Amino acid sequence: MDAITMYHHTTPIAAQRILSEGVIRPNGKGRVYLTPDNMSPEEAYQKLFIESPLYMDRTRVIAVEVSEEALGEFSDGCTNYEVIARRPIKMNRNGIGRFDVVA
């Protein structure tokens, strides 16, 4: 089964927690946002966060390998740039592969 690399933009503190726990937890609205586009934090700030000051601290990018099957199971919606999951994304479960910090 093919894996797709998705990217999660987050804060430095949250990136450390994700890597230590092996879990990307949903935000306060119950969502995890991933994008298939490998964007720099600056590019994501413009395209994903629409230059909102609330998201200036999203300076880390976590790469997540996801099987196509798992991606279809947890996709709750998508836009041009992102896929939304409504549950935690755990490393090595449900077709999820390794996490890496790429920025």
N, C-alpha and C. Protein backbone atom coordinates (compact mmCIF):
# COMPACT_ATOMS: atom_id res chain seq x y z
N MET A 1 0.84 -1.17 0.00
CA MET A 1 0.00 0.00 0.00
C MET A 1 0.90 1.24 0.00
N ASP A 2 0.58 2.19 -0.83
CA ASP A 2 1.38 3.40 -0.94
C ASP A 2 1.13 4.34 0.24
N ALA A 3 2.22 5.03 0.62
CA ALA A 3 2.11 6.03 1.68
C ALA A 3 2.23 7.41 1.05
N ILE A 4 1.53 8.35 1.65
CA ILE A 4 1.56 9.74 1.23
C ILE A 4 2.18 10.53 2.37
N THR A 5 3.08 11.45 2.05
CA THR A 5 3.63 12.31 3.09
C THR A 5 2.75 13.54 3.21
N MET A 6 2.25 13.76 4.41
CA MET A 6 1.43 14.93 4.73
C MET A 6 2.22 15.77 5.72
N TYR A 7 1.86 17.05 5.85
CA TYR A 7 2.60 17.97 6.70
C TYR A 7 1.66 18.67 7.67
N HIS A 8 2.13 18.79 8.91
CA HIS A 8 1.36 19.43 9.97
C HIS A 8 2.18 20.60 10.49
N HIS A 9 1.67 21.81 10.39
CA HIS A 9 2.35 23.02 10.86
C HIS A 9 1.93 23.29 12.30
N THR A 10 2.93 23.53 13.14
CA THR A 10 2.64 23.66 14.57
C THR A 10 3.67 24.55 15.26
N THR A 11 3.50 24.74 16.55
CA THR A 11 4.42 25.55 17.33
C THR A 11 5.61 24.70 17.76
N PRO A 12 6.72 25.33 18.15
CA PRO A 12 7.87 24.55 18.64
C PRO A 12 7.53 23.66 19.84
N ILE A 13 6.76 24.18 20.78
CA ILE A 13 6.39 23.39 21.97
C ILE A 13 5.52 22.20 21.57
N ALA A 14 4.54 22.43 20.72
CA ALA A 14 3.67 21.34 20.28
C ALA A 14 4.45 20.31 19.47
N ALA A 15 5.41 20.74 18.67
CA ALA A 15 6.23 19.81 17.89
C ALA A 15 7.01 18.87 18.82
N GLN A 16 7.56 19.41 19.89
CA GLN A 16 8.28 18.57 20.86
C GLN A 16 7.33 17.54 21.48
N ARG A 17 6.14 17.98 21.83
CA ARG A 17 5.16 17.08 22.44
C ARG A 17 4.74 15.98 21.45
N ILE A 18 4.50 16.37 20.22
CA ILE A 18 4.11 15.40 19.18
C ILE A 18 5.18 14.33 19.02
N LEU A 19 6.43 14.76 18.93
CA LEU A 19 7.52 13.81 18.72
C LEU A 19 7.74 12.93 19.94
N SER A 20 7.57 13.47 21.15
CA SER A 20 7.79 12.65 22.34
C SER A 20 6.64 11.68 22.58
N GLU A 21 5.40 12.09 22.30
CA GLU A 21 4.23 11.24 22.53
C GLU A 21 3.89 10.37 21.33
N GLY A 22 4.31 10.78 20.13
CA GLY A 22 3.95 10.04 18.93
C GLY A 22 2.50 10.23 18.52
N VAL A 23 1.92 11.38 18.93
CA VAL A 23 0.50 11.64 18.65
C VAL A 23 0.32 13.11 18.27
N ILE A 24 -0.44 13.35 17.21
CA ILE A 24 -0.90 14.70 16.89
C ILE A 24 -2.34 14.77 17.38
N ARG A 25 -2.56 15.57 18.40
CA ARG A 25 -3.88 15.65 19.01
C ARG A 25 -4.73 16.74 18.33
N PRO A 26 -6.04 16.55 18.27
CA PRO A 26 -6.91 17.58 17.70
C PRO A 26 -6.83 18.89 18.48
N ASN A 27 -7.10 19.98 17.78
CA ASN A 27 -7.13 21.30 18.42
C ASN A 27 -8.43 21.45 19.23
N GLY A 28 -8.68 22.64 19.74
CA GLY A 28 -9.86 22.89 20.56
C GLY A 28 -11.18 22.65 19.84
N LYS A 29 -11.15 22.67 18.51
CA LYS A 29 -12.35 22.41 17.73
C LYS A 29 -12.45 20.93 17.32
N GLY A 30 -11.53 20.11 17.83
CA GLY A 30 -11.56 18.68 17.54
C GLY A 30 -11.00 18.31 16.18
N ARG A 31 -10.10 19.11 15.66
CA ARG A 31 -9.56 18.87 14.31
C ARG A 31 -8.04 18.82 14.30
N VAL A 32 -7.52 17.99 13.40
CA VAL A 32 -6.09 17.97 13.07
C VAL A 32 -6.00 18.35 11.60
N TYR A 33 -5.18 19.35 11.32
CA TYR A 33 -5.03 19.81 9.94
C TYR A 33 -3.72 19.30 9.36
N LEU A 34 -3.79 18.73 8.18
CA LEU A 34 -2.63 18.25 7.43
C LEU A 34 -2.70 18.81 6.02
N THR A 35 -1.55 19.00 5.42
CA THR A 35 -1.52 19.44 4.03
C THR A 35 -0.60 18.52 3.23
N PRO A 36 -0.93 18.23 1.99
CA PRO A 36 -0.03 17.43 1.16
C PRO A 36 1.11 18.26 0.59
N ASP A 37 1.04 19.57 0.74
CA ASP A 37 2.05 20.46 0.17
C ASP A 37 3.16 20.73 1.18
N ASN A 38 4.39 20.47 0.79
CA ASN A 38 5.54 20.70 1.65
C ASN A 38 5.90 22.18 1.58
N MET A 39 5.25 22.97 2.45
CA MET A 39 5.43 24.42 2.46
C MET A 39 6.37 24.82 3.59
N SER A 40 7.11 25.87 3.37
CA SER A 40 7.90 26.44 4.45
C SER A 40 6.92 27.07 5.45
N PRO A 41 7.36 27.32 6.69
CA PRO A 41 6.47 28.00 7.64
C PRO A 41 5.97 29.35 7.10
N GLU A 42 6.82 30.06 6.37
CA GLU A 42 6.41 31.36 5.82
C GLU A 42 5.32 31.20 4.77
N GLU A 43 5.48 30.19 3.91
CA GLU A 43 4.47 29.92 2.88
C GLU A 43 3.15 29.49 3.51
N ALA A 44 3.22 28.64 4.54
CA ALA A 44 2.00 28.19 5.22
C ALA A 44 1.30 29.35 5.89
N TYR A 45 2.07 30.26 6.46
CA TYR A 45 1.50 31.44 7.11
C TYR A 45 0.66 32.23 6.11
N GLN A 46 1.12 32.30 4.87
CA GLN A 46 0.38 33.03 3.84
C GLN A 46 -0.79 32.22 3.30
N LYS A 47 -0.56 30.95 2.94
CA LYS A 47 -1.58 30.16 2.25
C LYS A 47 -2.57 29.46 3.18
N LEU A 48 -2.09 28.94 4.30
CA LEU A 48 -2.98 28.21 5.20
C LEU A 48 -3.59 29.10 6.28
N PHE A 49 -2.77 29.97 6.83
CA PHE A 49 -3.20 30.78 7.96
C PHE A 49 -3.60 32.19 7.55
N ILE A 50 -3.56 32.48 6.28
CA ILE A 50 -3.99 33.76 5.70
C ILE A 50 -3.40 34.95 6.47
N GLU A 51 -2.15 34.79 6.87
CA GLU A 51 -1.39 35.83 7.55
C GLU A 51 -2.05 36.34 8.83
N SER A 52 -2.79 35.47 9.48
CA SER A 52 -3.41 35.85 10.76
C SER A 52 -2.34 35.87 11.85
N PRO A 53 -2.28 36.94 12.62
CA PRO A 53 -1.31 37.02 13.72
C PRO A 53 -1.45 35.88 14.73
N LEU A 54 -2.62 35.26 14.81
CA LEU A 54 -2.83 34.16 15.73
C LEU A 54 -1.93 32.96 15.43
N TYR A 55 -1.44 32.87 14.19
CA TYR A 55 -0.69 31.69 13.77
C TYR A 55 0.77 31.99 13.44
N MET A 56 1.27 33.12 13.84
CA MET A 56 2.66 33.47 13.56
C MET A 56 3.65 32.50 14.20
N ASP A 57 3.23 31.83 15.27
CA ASP A 57 4.13 30.93 15.99
C ASP A 57 4.20 29.52 15.41
N ARG A 58 3.54 29.27 14.29
CA ARG A 58 3.56 27.95 13.66
C ARG A 58 4.83 27.82 12.82
N THR A 59 5.96 27.65 13.49
CA THR A 59 7.25 27.67 12.81
C THR A 59 7.87 26.29 12.66
N ARG A 60 7.16 25.24 13.07
CA ARG A 60 7.66 23.88 12.91
C ARG A 60 6.72 23.11 12.00
N VAL A 61 7.31 22.22 11.22
CA VAL A 61 6.53 21.40 10.30
C VAL A 61 6.85 19.94 10.60
N ILE A 62 5.82 19.16 10.84
CA ILE A 62 5.97 17.73 11.11
C ILE A 62 5.53 16.99 9.85
N ALA A 63 6.41 16.13 9.34
CA ALA A 63 6.05 15.27 8.19
C ALA A 63 5.47 13.97 8.74
N VAL A 64 4.37 13.54 8.17
CA VAL A 64 3.67 12.33 8.61
C VAL A 64 3.44 11.46 7.39
N GLU A 65 3.89 10.22 7.45
CA GLU A 65 3.60 9.29 6.36
C GLU A 65 2.28 8.60 6.67
N VAL A 66 1.34 8.69 5.74
CA VAL A 66 -0.01 8.17 5.93
C VAL A 66 -0.35 7.26 4.76
N SER A 67 -0.87 6.07 5.05
CA SER A 67 -1.31 5.20 3.96
C SER A 67 -2.53 5.83 3.30
N GLU A 68 -2.70 5.55 2.02
CA GLU A 68 -3.86 6.10 1.31
C GLU A 68 -5.16 5.64 1.97
N GLU A 69 -5.19 4.40 2.44
CA GLU A 69 -6.38 3.87 3.09
C GLU A 69 -6.69 4.65 4.37
N ALA A 70 -5.68 4.87 5.21
CA ALA A 70 -5.90 5.61 6.46
C ALA A 70 -6.31 7.04 6.17
N LEU A 71 -5.71 7.64 5.17
CA LEU A 71 -6.06 9.01 4.82
C LEU A 71 -7.54 9.11 4.48
N GLY A 72 -8.04 8.17 3.71
CA GLY A 72 -9.46 8.15 3.36
C GLY A 72 -10.35 7.94 4.57
N GLU A 73 -9.87 7.17 5.55
CA GLU A 73 -10.67 6.89 6.74
C GLU A 73 -10.80 8.10 7.66
N PHE A 74 -9.73 8.89 7.79
CA PHE A 74 -9.86 9.98 8.75
C PHE A 74 -10.06 11.34 8.13
N SER A 75 -10.16 11.40 6.82
CA SER A 75 -10.43 12.68 6.17
C SER A 75 -11.86 13.12 6.48
N ASP A 76 -11.98 14.30 7.03
CA ASP A 76 -13.30 14.81 7.37
C ASP A 76 -13.71 15.95 6.45
N GLY A 77 -12.79 16.43 5.69
CA GLY A 77 -13.06 17.53 4.79
C GLY A 77 -11.75 18.00 4.24
N CYS A 78 -11.79 18.76 3.20
CA CYS A 78 -10.54 19.26 2.66
C CYS A 78 -10.78 20.56 1.92
N THR A 79 -9.70 21.30 1.79
CA THR A 79 -9.70 22.52 1.00
C THR A 79 -8.62 22.33 -0.05
N ASN A 80 -8.27 23.39 -0.74
CA ASN A 80 -7.20 23.27 -1.73
C ASN A 80 -5.87 22.88 -1.10
N TYR A 81 -5.69 23.22 0.18
CA TYR A 81 -4.39 23.01 0.81
C TYR A 81 -4.38 22.03 1.98
N GLU A 82 -5.52 21.62 2.48
CA GLU A 82 -5.46 20.80 3.68
C GLU A 82 -6.54 19.74 3.77
N VAL A 83 -6.23 18.73 4.59
CA VAL A 83 -7.13 17.64 4.91
C VAL A 83 -7.40 17.76 6.40
N ILE A 84 -8.62 17.50 6.81
CA ILE A 84 -9.00 17.64 8.22
C ILE A 84 -9.33 16.26 8.79
N ALA A 85 -8.69 15.95 9.92
CA ALA A 85 -9.02 14.72 10.65
C ALA A 85 -9.71 15.13 11.95
N ARG A 86 -10.66 14.33 12.39
CA ARG A 86 -11.37 14.65 13.62
C ARG A 86 -11.01 13.67 14.75
N ARG A 87 -9.81 13.16 14.70
CA ARG A 87 -9.34 12.30 15.78
C ARG A 87 -7.82 12.40 15.86
N PRO A 88 -7.25 11.96 16.96
CA PRO A 88 -5.79 12.00 17.06
C PRO A 88 -5.15 11.16 15.96
N ILE A 89 -3.99 11.56 15.55
CA ILE A 89 -3.21 10.80 14.58
C ILE A 89 -2.04 10.21 15.32
N LYS A 90 -1.99 8.88 15.42
CA LYS A 90 -0.98 8.20 16.20
C LYS A 90 0.05 7.54 15.28
N MET A 91 1.30 7.67 15.65
CA MET A 91 2.36 7.06 14.90
C MET A 91 2.23 5.53 14.99
N ASN A 92 2.44 4.86 13.84
CA ASN A 92 2.43 3.40 13.74
C ASN A 92 1.09 2.76 14.04
N ARG A 93 0.01 3.52 13.92
CA ARG A 93 -1.33 2.97 14.07
C ARG A 93 -2.18 3.48 12.93
N ASN A 94 -3.13 2.69 12.51
CA ASN A 94 -4.07 3.11 11.46
C ASN A 94 -3.36 3.56 10.20
N GLY A 95 -2.25 2.90 9.86
CA GLY A 95 -1.55 3.24 8.62
C GLY A 95 -0.68 4.47 8.71
N ILE A 96 -0.41 4.94 9.93
CA ILE A 96 0.41 6.14 10.09
C ILE A 96 1.86 5.71 10.26
N GLY A 97 2.75 6.36 9.52
CA GLY A 97 4.17 6.04 9.58
C GLY A 97 4.92 7.00 10.46
N ARG A 98 6.16 7.18 10.15
CA ARG A 98 7.04 7.96 11.03
C ARG A 98 6.73 9.45 10.96
N PHE A 99 7.05 10.13 12.02
CA PHE A 99 6.93 11.59 12.09
C PHE A 99 8.35 12.15 11.99
N ASP A 100 8.55 13.21 11.25
CA ASP A 100 9.83 13.91 11.17
C ASP A 100 9.56 15.41 11.21
N VAL A 101 10.45 16.14 11.86
CA VAL A 101 10.38 17.60 11.79
C VAL A 101 11.13 18.02 10.54
N VAL A 102 10.47 18.76 9.67
CA VAL A 102 11.12 19.18 8.43
C VAL A 102 11.44 20.67 8.43
N ALA A 103 10.95 21.42 9.36
CA ALA A 103 11.29 22.85 9.45
C ALA A 103 11.16 23.31 10.89
